[in-house]
Protein backbone atom coordinates (compact mmCIF):
# COMPACT_ATOMS: atom_id res chain seq x y z
CA MET A 1 25.15 -10.43 130.01
CA ARG A 2 24.84 -6.67 130.73
CA THR A 3 21.69 -6.07 128.03
CA PHE A 4 20.14 -9.45 129.40
CA LEU A 5 20.08 -7.81 133.08
CA SER A 6 18.40 -4.33 132.17
CA LEU A 7 15.10 -6.63 130.50
CA LYS A 8 12.70 -6.94 132.97
CA GLU A 9 11.70 -9.65 130.99
CA VAL A 10 14.87 -11.46 131.80
CA GLN A 11 16.28 -13.55 134.15
CA VAL A 12 19.97 -14.50 134.39
CA VAL A 13 19.99 -17.90 136.33
CA ALA A 14 23.28 -19.60 135.31
CA LEU A 15 26.57 -18.84 133.62
CA CYS A 16 29.24 -20.42 132.07
CA ASP A 17 32.86 -20.35 131.44
CA VAL A 18 35.65 -22.31 131.11
CA ASP A 19 37.73 -19.37 132.50
CA ASN A 20 37.46 -18.58 136.56
CA GLY A 21 38.77 -14.87 136.34
CA SER A 22 39.99 -12.15 134.88
CA SER A 23 43.47 -12.18 135.10
CA ASN A 24 44.19 -14.63 132.20
CA TYR A 25 41.67 -11.77 130.11
CA HIS A 26 43.62 -9.25 127.57
CA ASN A 27 43.03 -6.30 129.48
CA ALA A 28 39.81 -7.01 131.05
CA SER A 29 39.06 -6.85 134.89
CA THR A 30 35.53 -7.84 134.80
CA ALA A 31 35.57 -10.78 132.16
CA GLY A 32 35.53 -14.80 133.13
CA LEU A 33 32.90 -16.75 135.40
CA GLU A 34 33.51 -15.13 138.46
CA PRO A 35 33.25 -11.50 137.76
CA ALA A 36 30.75 -12.87 136.04
CA LYS A 37 28.67 -14.07 139.09
CA GLN A 38 29.71 -10.73 141.34
CA ILE A 39 28.12 -8.52 138.89
CA LEU A 40 25.11 -10.61 139.08
CA ASP A 41 24.77 -11.36 142.61
CA LYS A 42 25.40 -7.64 143.13
CA PHE A 43 22.52 -6.65 141.00
CA TYR A 44 19.77 -9.48 142.34
CA ALA A 45 20.85 -8.59 145.55
CA GLU A 46 17.87 -7.11 146.44
CA GLN A 47 15.88 -9.41 145.13
CA MET A 48 17.46 -12.33 147.01
CA ARG A 49 16.96 -11.23 149.49
CA SER A 50 13.12 -11.08 148.94
CA GLY A 51 13.09 -14.35 147.69
CA LYS A 52 12.31 -13.13 144.26
CA TYR A 53 15.40 -14.35 143.16
CA LYS A 54 17.15 -17.44 143.88
CA GLY A 55 20.58 -17.18 143.03
CA CYS A 56 22.43 -18.20 139.65
CA SER A 57 24.85 -21.17 139.34
CA ALA A 58 28.18 -21.33 137.83
CA HIS A 59 29.30 -23.85 135.75
CA LYS A 60 32.71 -24.94 133.99
CA ASP A 61 30.59 -27.58 131.10
CA PHE A 62 27.71 -26.47 129.85
CA ARG A 63 26.16 -29.57 129.91
CA GLU A 64 25.42 -29.42 133.21
CA LEU A 65 23.67 -26.02 132.65
CA LEU A 66 21.70 -27.54 129.87
CA LYS A 67 20.08 -30.18 132.22
CA ARG A 68 18.42 -27.55 134.11
CA ASP A 69 14.48 -27.19 133.47
CA ASP A 70 13.67 -23.55 134.25
CA ILE A 71 16.59 -22.77 131.61
CA ASP A 72 14.04 -21.24 128.34
CA VAL A 73 17.13 -19.43 126.47
CA VAL A 74 20.81 -19.66 125.96
CA THR A 75 23.52 -17.43 124.60
CA VAL A 76 26.02 -18.77 122.62
CA CYS A 77 29.51 -16.19 122.58
CA THR A 78 32.13 -19.17 122.70
CA PRO A 79 35.00 -19.31 120.13
CA ASP A 80 33.74 -20.29 117.03
CA HIS A 81 34.53 -23.93 116.73
CA TRP A 82 31.86 -24.53 119.84
CA HIS A 83 28.89 -23.09 118.71
CA GLY A 84 27.74 -25.49 116.61
CA LEU A 85 28.15 -28.48 118.57
CA ILE A 86 26.38 -26.61 121.58
CA SER A 87 23.74 -25.19 119.92
CA ILE A 88 23.11 -28.58 119.00
CA ALA A 89 22.99 -30.04 122.52
CA ALA A 90 20.88 -26.93 123.51
CA ALA A 91 18.16 -27.34 121.00
CA LYS A 92 18.33 -31.07 121.76
CA ALA A 93 17.83 -29.63 125.87
CA GLY A 94 14.28 -28.23 124.70
CA LYS A 95 16.13 -24.48 125.11
CA ASP A 96 16.21 -21.43 122.38
CA ILE A 97 19.16 -20.31 121.05
CA TYR A 98 21.38 -16.72 120.52
CA CYS A 99 24.19 -17.63 118.88
CA GLU A 100 27.09 -14.94 118.40
CA LYS A 101 27.99 -15.27 113.87
CA PRO A 102 29.07 -17.09 112.47
CA LEU A 103 26.75 -19.68 113.32
CA THR A 104 29.28 -22.17 112.46
CA ASN A 105 32.90 -22.67 110.81
CA THR A 106 31.43 -25.28 107.66
CA ILE A 107 28.24 -25.31 105.32
CA GLU A 108 28.43 -29.01 107.12
CA GLU A 109 27.86 -28.21 110.33
CA GLY A 110 25.91 -25.09 109.80
CA ARG A 111 23.10 -27.90 108.34
CA ALA A 112 23.13 -30.13 111.63
CA VAL A 113 22.52 -27.16 113.93
CA CYS A 114 19.51 -25.89 111.53
CA ASP A 115 18.31 -29.86 111.38
CA ALA A 116 18.46 -29.73 115.27
CA VAL A 117 16.47 -26.58 116.06
CA LYS A 118 13.85 -28.28 113.40
CA ARG A 119 13.67 -31.62 114.67
CA HIS A 120 13.18 -30.21 118.14
CA CYS A 121 10.96 -27.13 117.41
CA ARG A 122 13.54 -24.41 118.84
CA ILE A 123 13.97 -20.70 118.03
CA LEU A 124 17.73 -20.03 117.06
CA GLN A 125 19.05 -16.31 115.99
CA THR A 126 22.14 -15.92 114.75
CA GLY A 127 24.08 -12.50 115.95
CA SER A 128 24.83 -10.64 112.47
CA HIS A 129 23.27 -7.99 114.58
CA GLU A 130 24.67 -4.98 112.16
CA ARG A 131 21.72 -5.28 109.76
CA SER A 132 19.58 -4.37 112.48
CA ASN A 133 21.26 -0.90 112.57
CA ASP A 134 18.33 2.04 111.16
CA SER A 135 21.37 3.18 108.21
CA VAL A 136 21.66 -0.17 106.83
CA GLN A 137 17.59 -1.07 106.91
CA PHE A 138 17.39 1.90 104.71
CA ALA A 139 19.29 1.38 102.88
CA CYS A 140 18.29 -2.02 102.19
CA GLU A 141 14.70 -0.63 101.71
CA LEU A 142 16.08 1.58 98.93
CA VAL A 143 17.70 -1.03 97.15
CA ARG A 144 14.90 -3.72 97.12
CA LYS A 145 12.18 -1.03 96.05
CA GLY A 146 14.72 -0.04 93.27
CA ARG A 147 15.80 3.50 94.12
CA ILE A 148 18.51 3.44 92.52
CA GLY A 149 18.28 0.94 90.11
CA GLU A 150 18.90 -2.60 89.24
CA ILE A 151 21.82 -4.66 90.87
CA LYS A 152 24.07 -6.32 88.81
CA GLU A 153 27.13 -6.11 91.28
CA ILE A 154 27.76 -5.70 94.86
CA HIS A 155 31.23 -5.18 95.75
CA VAL A 156 33.13 -6.08 99.13
CA ASN A 157 35.95 -4.25 100.78
CA MET A 158 37.37 -6.45 104.08
CA PRO A 159 40.88 -4.67 104.01
CA ASN A 160 43.67 -5.96 106.80
CA LYS A 161 45.11 -2.69 107.69
CA ASP A 162 44.27 -2.44 111.84
CA PRO A 163 47.24 -2.86 113.75
CA HIS A 164 46.25 -6.03 115.19
CA GLN A 165 46.30 -7.48 111.33
CA LEU A 166 49.31 -6.26 110.74
CA ARG A 167 50.91 -7.40 113.24
CA LEU A 168 50.09 -10.73 112.42
CA ILE A 169 51.17 -10.50 108.50
CA ASN A 170 54.53 -9.69 110.03
CA ASP A 171 54.49 -11.90 112.55
CA LYS A 172 56.92 -14.76 112.07
CA SER A 173 58.61 -15.49 115.64
CA PRO A 174 57.98 -18.85 116.70
CA LYS A 175 55.62 -19.35 120.01
CA LEU A 176 56.63 -20.49 123.18
CA VAL A 177 55.13 -22.87 124.92
CA MET A 178 53.67 -21.95 128.12
CA PRO A 179 51.36 -23.53 131.49
CA VAL A 180 48.18 -23.28 131.28
CA PRO A 181 46.97 -20.50 133.94
CA GLU A 182 44.77 -21.07 137.04
CA GLY A 183 41.91 -21.50 137.11
CA PHE A 184 41.63 -22.37 132.55
CA ASN A 185 40.17 -25.48 132.10
CA TYR A 186 42.15 -25.71 128.56
CA LYS A 187 41.31 -29.03 127.83
CA MET A 188 37.60 -27.88 127.59
CA TRP A 189 38.19 -24.96 125.89
CA LEU A 190 40.17 -27.07 122.53
CA GLY A 191 36.68 -29.48 122.55
CA PRO A 192 36.52 -31.08 119.72
CA ALA A 193 39.96 -29.08 118.00
CA PRO A 194 43.33 -31.18 118.74
CA MET A 195 45.02 -31.10 121.13
CA GLU A 196 47.72 -28.72 121.47
CA PRO A 197 50.58 -26.84 122.99
CA TYR A 198 49.05 -24.02 125.20
CA THR A 199 50.51 -20.36 124.79
CA LYS A 200 48.65 -17.96 124.94
CA GLU A 201 48.38 -16.66 121.45
CA ARG A 202 45.98 -19.65 121.27
CA TYR A 203 43.64 -18.62 123.45
CA HIS A 204 41.65 -15.35 123.40
CA PHE A 205 40.53 -12.58 120.78
CA TRP A 206 43.98 -14.46 118.86
CA TRP A 207 42.41 -18.23 118.30
CA ARG A 208 40.23 -16.33 115.51
CA PHE A 209 42.98 -15.91 113.27
CA ILE A 210 43.85 -20.36 113.77
CA LEU A 211 41.78 -22.63 111.53
CA GLN A 212 41.40 -25.18 113.59
CA TYR A 213 39.43 -22.44 115.86
CA GLY A 214 37.94 -19.80 113.27
CA GLY A 215 38.64 -18.32 109.92
CA GLY A 216 40.35 -14.80 110.57
CA GLU A 217 38.68 -11.85 108.60
CA MET A 218 36.40 -13.86 106.34
CA THR A 219 34.18 -14.99 109.50
CA ASP A 220 35.11 -12.89 111.51
CA ARG A 221 34.29 -8.42 110.09
CA GLY A 222 33.14 -10.70 106.90
CA ALA A 223 30.46 -12.51 108.87
CA HIS A 224 28.45 -8.82 108.79
CA ILE A 225 29.42 -7.79 106.14
CA ILE A 226 29.27 -10.17 103.52
CA ASP A 227 26.09 -11.08 105.55
CA LEU A 228 25.32 -6.98 104.62
CA ALA A 229 25.02 -7.51 101.00
CA GLN A 230 23.57 -10.70 100.94
CA PHE A 231 20.34 -9.36 103.04
CA ILE A 232 20.41 -6.65 100.78
CA ASN A 233 20.39 -8.93 97.61
CA ASN A 234 17.06 -10.90 99.04
CA THR A 235 18.93 -14.26 99.17
CA ASP A 236 18.90 -15.00 102.72
CA ASN A 237 16.94 -18.11 101.84
CA SER A 238 19.02 -19.38 98.90
CA GLY A 239 22.61 -18.02 98.69
CA PRO A 240 25.33 -18.42 96.09
CA ALA A 241 24.91 -20.64 93.89
CA GLU A 242 28.69 -20.47 92.63
CA ILE A 243 31.70 -19.27 95.03
CA ILE A 244 35.63 -19.21 93.50
CA ALA A 245 37.67 -18.07 96.02
CA LYS A 246 41.19 -17.63 96.33
CA GLY A 247 43.76 -16.26 98.84
CA LYS A 248 47.11 -16.13 100.14
CA ALA A 249 47.10 -17.31 104.19
CA LEU A 250 49.33 -16.22 107.46
CA GLN A 251 52.70 -17.81 107.49
CA ASN A 252 54.11 -18.75 111.07
CA ASP A 253 54.26 -22.06 113.36
CA LEU A 254 50.45 -21.25 114.72
CA PHE A 255 48.30 -18.49 112.38
CA ASN A 256 47.00 -19.71 109.39
CA THR A 257 44.26 -17.77 107.91
CA PHE A 258 44.29 -16.10 104.79
CA TYR A 259 44.82 -12.55 104.79
CA ASP A 260 44.90 -11.35 101.24
CA TYR A 261 42.08 -13.03 99.79
CA GLN A 262 39.29 -12.43 96.53
CA PHE A 263 36.05 -14.08 96.06
CA GLU A 264 33.45 -14.07 93.70
CA CYS A 265 30.17 -15.32 94.69
CA THR A 266 26.77 -16.08 91.44
CA TYR A 267 23.55 -16.02 92.81
CA SER A 268 20.75 -17.51 90.87
CA ASN A 269 19.06 -13.97 89.57
CA GLY A 270 22.17 -13.32 88.22
CA ILE A 271 23.80 -10.41 90.46
CA LYS A 272 27.72 -11.27 91.67
CA ILE A 273 28.90 -10.20 94.96
CA PHE A 274 32.65 -9.77 94.57
CA GLY A 275 35.19 -9.23 97.27
CA ASP A 276 37.93 -8.50 97.84
CA SER A 277 40.92 -7.41 101.05
CA LYS A 278 41.83 -4.28 98.97
CA GLY A 279 40.63 -1.11 99.22
CA GLU A 280 39.23 0.85 102.53
CA ARG A 281 36.16 -0.05 104.48
């Protein structure tokens, strides 16, 4: 949002968040719907006085936001299990879309998003921002021009050695049922996922290690790193012809994504991408 505020050709006219305030977030003083609205109002104060800005509406249901006919583009930065449904709804409402990675959690849902965007003649960009880095662009150019020789294999390392990952691997404790924080629409946050009792570790950040909402390291960090391999391999429009994978899942009463894994992707050009959770980043 702050980046959009720095662009002269953009006006932020609506916000949506199922959580009202920053007290529900981990160590964040400006997160949630109300703090975001305050930032916007302060930024646009002078324009509001001059009549150049009509104000910003705040919503807890994205469907209300999509009804506005003065919105051209929406960004989708929800937990992953909501990406597909909101992107499809936005396309149907005639909005262009910037959706954070991973675009969806399943291939089937990803196809549904692409079909909706095509059917309604919209523009969609997925937020895999690392491929835009200068160093990545330079590396891609070197490889595609054959400057490092013929590519036969690509190896991807995605180790689980960060403190939060080690905590997950060693966590065997039961998760306590807690009251839903005031100002947080937990039912809407769950959305298409099954109803489950609230605990803070099902919520911000940690949801990505629960298969109902995310895919763990594979769709979190992996959505960037595997994307770079596919980008350099020049296979954006095709993807692998065959995927073989195995792994070991987290074991406790909440977290169940995979932390120890190996995968092998074979492309029609004969190149293989090998990935595992060993080694260094």
